[in-house]
N, C-alpha and C. Protein backbone atom coordinates (compact mmCIF):
# COMPACT_ATOMS: atom_id res chain seq x y z
N UNK A 1 -7.13 -14.65 -13.86
CA UNK A 1 -5.77 -14.86 -14.01
C UNK A 1 -5.35 -16.06 -12.87
N UNK A 2 -5.01 -16.88 -13.37
CA UNK A 2 -4.11 -18.16 -12.76
C UNK A 2 -2.97 -17.41 -11.39
N UNK A 3 -2.86 -17.45 -10.56
CA UNK A 3 -1.98 -16.45 -10.15
C UNK A 3 -0.48 -17.12 -10.05
N UNK A 4 0.33 -16.15 -10.74
CA UNK A 4 1.59 -15.97 -10.64
C UNK A 4 2.32 -15.49 -9.08
N UNK A 5 3.24 -16.54 -8.69
CA UNK A 5 3.85 -16.56 -7.32
C UNK A 5 5.06 -16.04 -7.65
N UNK A 6 5.41 -14.68 -6.70
CA UNK A 6 6.70 -14.50 -7.37
C UNK A 6 8.22 -15.62 -7.00
N UNK A 7 9.49 -15.47 -8.07
CA UNK A 7 10.12 -16.35 -7.37
C UNK A 7 10.83 -15.64 -6.19
N UNK A 8 10.94 -14.60 -5.96
CA UNK A 8 11.65 -13.67 -5.14
C UNK A 8 10.92 -12.97 -4.33
N UNK A 9 10.84 -12.17 -3.14
CA UNK A 9 10.60 -11.24 -2.60
C UNK A 9 11.33 -10.65 -1.72
N UNK A 10 12.10 -9.16 -1.64
CA UNK A 10 12.95 -8.42 -1.19
C UNK A 10 12.33 -7.33 -0.42
N UNK A 11 12.22 -7.12 0.64
CA UNK A 11 12.14 -6.08 1.26
C UNK A 11 13.60 -4.99 1.41
N UNK A 12 13.37 -3.74 0.76
CA UNK A 12 14.70 -3.51 0.88
C UNK A 12 14.75 -2.89 2.52
N UNK A 13 16.90 -2.79 2.30
CA UNK A 13 16.69 -2.58 4.10
C UNK A 13 16.34 -0.92 4.29
N UNK A 14 15.91 -0.01 3.84
CA UNK A 14 15.29 1.16 3.35
C UNK A 14 14.14 0.92 4.21
N UNK A 15 13.10 -0.06 4.02
CA UNK A 15 11.68 -0.50 3.89
C UNK A 15 10.86 0.48 3.18
N UNK A 16 11.85 1.02 2.42
CA UNK A 16 10.74 1.83 1.49
C UNK A 16 9.97 1.20 0.40
N UNK A 17 10.63 0.12 -0.15
CA UNK A 17 9.83 -0.67 -1.02
C UNK A 17 9.84 -2.23 -1.00
N UNK A 18 9.06 -2.68 -2.02
CA UNK A 18 9.37 -4.38 -1.99
C UNK A 18 9.41 -4.78 -3.28
N UNK A 19 10.57 -5.48 -3.60
CA UNK A 19 10.95 -5.76 -4.86
C UNK A 19 10.27 -7.16 -4.89
N UNK A 20 9.74 -7.50 -6.05
CA UNK A 20 9.01 -8.63 -6.52
C UNK A 20 9.48 -9.29 -7.71
N UNK A 21 10.29 -10.95 -7.65
CA UNK A 21 10.92 -10.91 -9.33
C UNK A 21 10.08 -12.09 -9.41
N UNK A 22 9.57 -12.02 -11.12
CA UNK A 22 8.87 -13.06 -11.19
C UNK A 22 9.74 -13.53 -12.59
N UNK A 23 9.51 -14.66 -13.20
CA UNK A 23 9.93 -15.71 -14.30
C UNK A 23 10.16 -14.17 -15.32
N UNK A 24 8.95 -13.74 -15.85
CA UNK A 24 9.01 -12.69 -16.92
C UNK A 24 9.20 -11.42 -16.61
N UNK A 25 9.48 -10.75 -15.24
CA UNK A 25 9.55 -9.48 -15.14
C UNK A 25 10.30 -9.30 -13.59
N UNK A 26 10.20 -7.84 -12.99
CA UNK A 26 10.52 -7.68 -11.63
C UNK A 26 10.66 -6.56 -11.53
N UNK A 27 10.19 -5.73 -10.64
CA UNK A 27 9.62 -4.52 -9.78
C UNK A 27 10.02 -3.95 -8.39
N UNK A 28 10.31 -3.07 -8.27
CA UNK A 28 10.55 -2.39 -7.07
C UNK A 28 9.23 -1.93 -6.64
N UNK A 29 8.53 -1.94 -6.04
CA UNK A 29 6.84 -1.23 -5.70
C UNK A 29 7.18 -0.40 -4.25
N UNK A 30 7.27 0.88 -4.43
CA UNK A 30 7.48 1.71 -3.66
C UNK A 30 6.70 1.45 -2.05
N UNK A 31 6.44 1.50 -1.23
CA UNK A 31 5.82 1.25 0.23
C UNK A 31 4.54 2.28 0.03
N UNK A 32 4.63 3.73 -0.77
CA UNK A 32 3.34 4.32 -0.72
C UNK A 32 2.27 3.90 -1.95
N UNK A 33 2.97 3.49 -2.97
CA UNK A 33 2.44 2.48 -3.46
C UNK A 33 1.37 1.45 -3.19
N UNK A 34 2.31 0.75 -2.58
CA UNK A 34 1.60 -0.42 -2.11
C UNK A 34 0.37 -0.15 -1.16
N UNK A 35 0.91 0.89 -0.30
CA UNK A 35 -0.07 1.22 0.79
C UNK A 35 -1.18 2.34 0.39
N UNK A 36 -1.20 2.97 -0.82
CA UNK A 36 -2.26 3.33 -1.26
C UNK A 36 -3.03 2.94 -2.11
N UNK A 37 -2.73 1.49 -2.37
CA UNK A 37 -3.49 0.52 -3.06
C UNK A 37 -3.61 -0.68 -2.62
N UNK A 38 -3.66 -0.19 -1.25
CA UNK A 38 -4.48 -1.54 -0.44
C UNK A 38 -5.36 -1.95 -0.51
N UNK A 39 -5.46 -3.33 -0.90
CA UNK A 39 -6.50 -3.97 -0.99
C UNK A 39 -8.01 -4.31 -0.11
N UNK A 40 -7.76 -3.51 1.19
CA UNK A 40 -8.37 -3.39 1.99
C UNK A 40 -9.72 -2.66 1.75
N UNK A 41 -10.67 -3.16 2.51
CA UNK A 41 -12.06 -2.04 2.63
C UNK A 41 -11.88 -1.04 2.87
N UNK A 42 -10.53 -0.65 3.96
CA UNK A 42 -10.68 0.88 4.18
C UNK A 42 -10.21 1.72 2.74
N UNK A 43 -9.62 1.15 2.08
CA UNK A 43 -9.36 1.66 0.86
C UNK A 43 -10.07 1.89 -0.31
N UNK A 44 -10.42 0.49 -0.37
CA UNK A 44 -11.02 0.02 -2.01
C UNK A 44 -12.38 0.58 -1.39
N UNK A 45 -12.94 0.60 -0.38
CA UNK A 45 -14.91 0.35 -0.09
C UNK A 45 -15.12 -0.86 -0.30
N UNK A 46 -16.74 -1.32 0.00
CA UNK A 46 -17.18 -2.36 0.08
C UNK A 46 -17.41 -2.44 -1.17
N UNK A 47 -17.68 -1.59 -2.12
CA UNK A 47 -18.47 -1.42 -3.02
C UNK A 47 -18.09 -0.79 -4.54
N UNK A 48 -18.29 -0.86 -5.51
CA UNK A 48 -17.34 0.08 -6.32
C UNK A 48 -17.90 1.63 -6.38
N UNK A 49 -17.20 2.82 -6.74
CA UNK A 49 -17.67 3.99 -6.12
C UNK A 49 -17.49 4.22 -4.77
N UNK A 50 -16.69 3.56 -3.67
CA UNK A 50 -16.57 3.58 -2.42
C UNK A 50 -14.99 3.61 -2.22
N UNK A 51 -14.38 3.87 -3.08
CA UNK A 51 -13.00 4.11 -2.86
C UNK A 51 -12.88 5.05 -2.40
N UNK A 52 -11.69 5.19 -1.40
CA UNK A 52 -11.45 6.50 -0.36
C UNK A 52 -9.65 6.93 -0.81
N UNK A 53 -9.88 8.06 -1.13
CA UNK A 53 -8.19 8.37 -2.09
C UNK A 53 -7.54 8.45 -0.74
N UNK A 54 -6.33 7.91 -0.16
CA UNK A 54 -5.25 8.06 0.36
C UNK A 54 -4.38 8.97 0.19
N UNK A 55 -4.46 9.80 1.32
CA UNK A 55 -3.27 10.99 1.36
C UNK A 55 -2.39 10.87 2.50
N UNK A 56 -1.13 11.96 2.30
CA UNK A 56 -0.16 12.22 3.09
C UNK A 56 0.50 10.34 3.48
N UNK A 57 0.56 9.79 2.17
CA UNK A 57 1.13 8.58 2.68
C UNK A 57 3.19 8.55 2.34
N UNK A 58 3.57 9.47 1.42
CA UNK A 58 4.85 9.55 1.42
C UNK A 58 5.55 9.14 1.86
N UNK A 59 5.89 9.32 3.07
CA UNK A 59 6.98 8.57 4.39
C UNK A 59 6.57 7.28 4.86
N UNK A 60 5.55 6.66 4.30
CA UNK A 60 5.08 5.11 5.26
C UNK A 60 6.18 4.46 4.72
N UNK A 61 6.52 3.10 5.14
CA UNK A 61 7.49 2.62 5.34
C UNK A 61 6.56 1.04 5.40
N UNK A 62 7.59 0.08 5.48
CA UNK A 62 6.70 -1.56 5.60
C UNK A 62 7.52 -2.06 6.63
N UNK A 63 7.02 -1.91 7.68
CA UNK A 63 7.34 -2.71 8.98
C UNK A 63 7.05 -4.17 9.41
N UNK A 64 6.34 -4.81 8.20
CA UNK A 64 6.31 -6.01 8.43
C UNK A 64 5.56 -6.99 7.43
N UNK A 65 5.98 -7.78 7.23
CA UNK A 65 5.39 -9.15 5.87
C UNK A 65 5.08 -10.01 6.53
N UNK A 66 3.92 -10.94 6.10
CA UNK A 66 3.43 -12.18 6.57
C UNK A 66 2.63 -12.99 5.62
N UNK A 67 3.42 -14.07 5.44
CA UNK A 67 2.77 -14.89 4.40
C UNK A 67 1.28 -15.21 5.07
N UNK A 68 0.57 -15.06 4.35
CA UNK A 68 -1.11 -15.87 4.31
C UNK A 68 -0.95 -16.83 3.45
N UNK A 69 -1.00 -17.86 4.52
CA UNK A 69 -1.89 -19.62 3.66
C UNK A 69 -0.70 -19.46 2.17
N UNK A 70 -1.20 -19.81 1.38
CA UNK A 70 -0.52 -20.44 0.10
C UNK A 70 -0.77 -19.00 -0.70
N UNK A 71 -1.66 -18.37 -0.41
CA UNK A 71 -2.13 -17.28 -1.73
C UNK A 71 -1.97 -15.52 -1.55
N UNK A 72 -1.30 -15.39 -0.50
CA UNK A 72 -1.50 -14.10 0.13
C UNK A 72 -0.46 -13.43 0.75
N UNK A 73 -0.07 -12.39 0.84
CA UNK A 73 1.03 -11.94 1.81
C UNK A 73 0.24 -10.84 2.15
N UNK A 74 0.48 -10.14 3.80
CA UNK A 74 -0.03 -9.13 4.51
C UNK A 74 0.90 -8.42 4.56
N UNK A 75 1.10 -7.06 4.11
CA UNK A 75 2.12 -5.66 4.74
C UNK A 75 1.50 -5.10 5.92
N UNK A 76 2.31 -5.05 6.74
CA UNK A 76 2.22 -3.97 7.58
C UNK A 76 2.65 -2.85 7.14
N UNK A 77 2.30 -1.70 7.53
CA UNK A 77 2.93 -0.11 7.25
C UNK A 77 3.28 0.49 8.48
N UNK A 78 3.98 1.81 8.52
CA UNK A 78 4.16 2.16 9.26
C UNK A 78 3.36 3.19 10.14
N UNK A 79 2.15 3.06 9.17
CA UNK A 79 0.88 4.05 9.91
C UNK A 79 -0.18 3.19 10.33
N UNK A 80 0.47 2.13 10.69
CA UNK A 80 -0.78 1.10 11.44
C UNK A 80 -1.46 0.50 10.46
N UNK A 81 -1.46 0.59 9.38
CA UNK A 81 -2.77 -0.02 8.37
C UNK A 81 -1.88 -1.49 8.23
N UNK A 82 -2.74 -2.20 8.67
CA UNK A 82 -2.23 -3.88 8.31
C UNK A 82 -3.62 -4.98 7.71
N UNK A 83 -4.59 -3.90 7.22
CA UNK A 83 -5.81 -4.87 7.08
C UNK A 83 -6.24 -5.58 5.75
N UNK A 84 -5.09 -5.10 4.74
CA UNK A 84 -4.96 -5.38 3.36
C UNK A 84 -4.59 -7.05 2.87
N UNK A 85 -4.86 -7.52 2.20
CA UNK A 85 -4.25 -9.31 2.04
C UNK A 85 -3.99 -9.02 0.45
N UNK A 86 -2.86 -8.86 0.19
CA UNK A 86 -1.95 -8.85 -0.97
C UNK A 86 -2.02 -10.10 -1.46
N UNK A 87 -2.91 -10.51 -2.36
CA UNK A 87 -2.68 -12.24 -3.17
C UNK A 87 -2.25 -12.15 -4.18
N UNK A 88 -1.83 -13.28 -4.68
CA UNK A 88 -0.77 -13.32 -5.59
C UNK A 88 -1.18 -12.35 -6.78
N UNK A 89 -2.36 -12.61 -7.40
CA UNK A 89 -2.79 -12.07 -8.51
C UNK A 89 -2.33 -10.48 -8.46
N UNK A 90 -3.13 -10.20 -7.10
CA UNK A 90 -3.27 -8.50 -7.26
C UNK A 90 -1.87 -7.78 -7.12
N UNK A 91 -0.66 -8.62 -6.42
CA UNK A 91 0.42 -8.54 -6.36
C UNK A 91 1.29 -8.10 -8.21
N UNK A 92 0.82 -9.27 -8.85
CA UNK A 92 1.23 -9.14 -10.26
C UNK A 92 0.38 -8.32 -10.86
N UNK A 93 -0.30 -8.11 -10.71
CA UNK A 93 -1.06 -6.69 -11.37
C UNK A 93 -0.46 -5.43 -10.97
N UNK A 94 -0.23 -5.09 -9.83
CA UNK A 94 0.16 -3.95 -9.05
C UNK A 94 1.83 -3.84 -10.04
N UNK A 95 2.73 -4.84 -10.09
CA UNK A 95 3.78 -5.23 -10.73
C UNK A 95 3.57 -4.74 -12.28
N UNK A 96 2.53 -5.22 -12.82
CA UNK A 96 2.44 -4.95 -14.58
C UNK A 96 1.57 -3.47 -14.18
N UNK A 97 1.12 -3.48 -13.52
CA UNK A 97 0.26 -1.97 -14.02
C UNK A 97 0.72 -0.90 -13.36
N UNK A 98 1.93 -0.76 -12.70
CA UNK A 98 2.67 0.32 -11.97
C UNK A 98 2.66 1.62 -12.52
N UNK A 99 3.27 1.70 -13.69
CA UNK A 99 3.69 3.21 -14.56
C UNK A 99 2.09 3.28 -14.37
N UNK A 100 1.21 2.81 -14.91
CA UNK A 100 -0.12 3.51 -15.30
C UNK A 100 -0.73 4.19 -13.94
N UNK A 101 -0.81 2.91 -12.86
CA UNK A 101 -1.68 3.45 -11.72
C UNK A 101 -0.95 4.16 -10.87
N UNK A 102 0.42 4.69 -10.91
CA UNK A 102 1.05 5.46 -9.64
C UNK A 102 0.62 6.86 -10.68
N UNK A 103 0.97 7.09 -11.91
CA UNK A 103 0.18 8.33 -12.83
C UNK A 103 -1.01 8.91 -12.35
N UNK A 104 -2.24 7.73 -12.45
CA UNK A 104 -3.39 7.68 -12.07
C UNK A 104 -3.59 8.55 -10.65
N UNK A 105 -2.84 7.42 -9.58
CA UNK A 105 -2.79 8.14 -8.24
C UNK A 105 -2.51 9.56 -8.19
N UNK A 106 -1.12 10.22 -9.29
CA UNK A 106 -0.67 11.26 -8.72
C UNK A 106 -2.29 11.95 -9.35
N UNK A 107 -2.59 11.91 -10.44
CA UNK A 107 -3.60 12.99 -11.04
C UNK A 107 -4.72 13.05 -10.03
N UNK A 108 -5.25 11.63 -9.28
CA UNK A 108 -6.48 12.10 -8.63
C UNK A 108 -5.76 12.47 -7.27
N UNK A 109 -4.81 12.76 -6.47
CA UNK A 109 -4.32 13.61 -5.73
C UNK A 109 -4.20 15.05 -6.27
N UNK A 110 -3.83 15.45 -7.19
CA UNK A 110 -3.73 16.67 -7.74
C UNK A 110 -5.55 16.82 -7.88
N UNK A 111 -6.35 16.42 -8.45
CA UNK A 111 -7.80 16.39 -8.77
C UNK A 111 -8.30 16.93 -7.43
N UNK A 112 -8.26 16.46 -6.37
CA UNK A 112 -8.55 16.48 -5.34
C UNK A 112 -7.99 17.90 -4.39
N UNK A 113 -6.82 18.24 -4.86
CA UNK A 113 -6.06 19.38 -3.93
C UNK A 113 -5.75 18.91 -2.81
N UNK A 114 -5.62 17.48 -2.89
CA UNK A 114 -4.63 16.67 -1.86
C UNK A 114 -3.25 16.85 -1.88
N UNK A 115 -2.56 16.50 -0.96
CA UNK A 115 -1.07 15.94 -0.57
C UNK A 115 -0.46 14.89 -0.42
N UNK A 116 0.71 14.15 -0.85
CA UNK A 116 1.33 12.85 -0.50
C UNK A 116 1.98 13.17 1.10
N UNK A 117 2.44 14.30 0.69
CA UNK A 117 2.82 14.77 2.40
C UNK A 117 2.17 14.46 3.31
N UNK A 118 2.49 13.77 4.63
CA UNK A 118 1.60 13.83 6.05
C UNK A 118 1.51 15.15 6.34
N UNK A 119 0.42 15.46 7.07
CA UNK A 119 -0.25 16.72 7.30
C UNK A 119 0.50 16.32 9.05
N UNK A 120 1.25 17.71 9.34
CA UNK A 120 1.72 17.76 10.78
C UNK A 120 0.86 16.66 12.24
N UNK A 121 -0.34 16.80 12.14
CA UNK A 121 -1.05 16.59 12.74
C UNK A 121 -1.14 14.70 13.05
N UNK A 122 -1.27 14.57 11.77
CA UNK A 122 -0.78 12.83 11.08
C UNK A 122 0.54 12.58 11.53
N UNK A 123 1.70 13.11 11.61
CA UNK A 123 2.92 12.61 11.90
C UNK A 123 2.90 12.41 13.60
N UNK A 124 2.34 13.50 14.19
CA UNK A 124 1.95 13.47 15.50
C UNK A 124 1.70 12.23 16.20
N UNK A 125 0.66 11.97 15.67
CA UNK A 125 -0.54 11.09 15.66
C UNK A 125 0.68 9.83 15.69
N UNK A 126 1.15 9.68 14.28
CA UNK A 126 2.06 8.30 14.72
C UNK A 126 3.08 8.13 15.60
N UNK A 127 3.76 9.36 15.61
CA UNK A 127 4.99 9.08 16.52
C UNK A 127 4.24 9.15 17.98
N UNK A 128 2.94 9.35 18.45
CA UNK A 128 2.41 9.10 19.88
C UNK A 128 1.66 7.63 19.77
N UNK A 129 1.92 6.80 18.43
CA UNK A 129 1.51 5.40 18.88
C UNK A 129 -0.42 5.43 18.16
N UNK A 130 -0.89 6.22 17.47
CA UNK A 130 -2.00 6.55 17.55
C UNK A 130 -2.12 6.76 15.91
N UNK A 131 -1.79 5.98 15.39
CA UNK A 131 -1.76 6.16 13.96
C UNK A 131 -3.10 5.42 13.31
N UNK A 132 -3.28 5.26 11.90
CA UNK A 132 -4.17 5.23 10.60
C UNK A 132 -4.48 3.38 11.59
N UNK A 133 -5.63 2.98 11.71
CA UNK A 133 -5.88 1.54 12.33
C UNK A 133 -5.64 1.32 13.47
N UNK A 134 -5.20 2.37 14.57
CA UNK A 134 -5.64 2.42 15.82
C UNK A 134 -6.40 3.35 16.09
N UNK A 135 -7.17 4.02 15.02
CA UNK A 135 -8.21 5.25 15.87
C UNK A 135 -7.52 6.59 15.62
N UNK A 136 -6.10 6.82 15.88
CA UNK A 136 -5.61 7.92 16.10
C UNK A 136 -5.80 8.99 15.02
N UNK A 137 -6.14 8.42 13.59
CA UNK A 137 -6.16 9.26 12.20
C UNK A 137 -7.85 9.96 12.85
N UNK A 138 -8.53 9.32 13.41
CA UNK A 138 -9.78 10.14 13.53
C UNK A 138 -10.67 9.73 12.17
N UNK A 139 -10.35 8.95 11.61
CA UNK A 139 -11.52 8.64 10.60
C UNK A 139 -11.94 7.09 11.03
N UNK A 140 -11.40 6.43 11.93
CA UNK A 140 -12.06 5.17 12.47
C UNK A 140 -12.46 4.96 13.48
């Protein structure tokens, strides 16, 4: 797909959603959705079949947005995750596929017996500045 660049990108004042406006549609994407579908290797893996189900991200917020050249947006999350580059094609796919992708994520969480709610030790690590991305979650 030849990438579609949003006409407008708005971060909600609560930092819980990012609104993307295109000529043909617009949608507010929750921070949790953007985080669990991060294009980073941590989430996607390095090859098909290596995807890692992201759990405990219900309370995540967006703490920063940084343009990357003319082709992508870097989103920084409150859990310290900042390694995914959301190129324009991928952001448009997220906007168009939100309903299906979110339902799929909820099914995978349920099938895994996991939760969207952060565990108490994850919340403690985040408050202490040892969140995901800094090695504080014990997975890096």
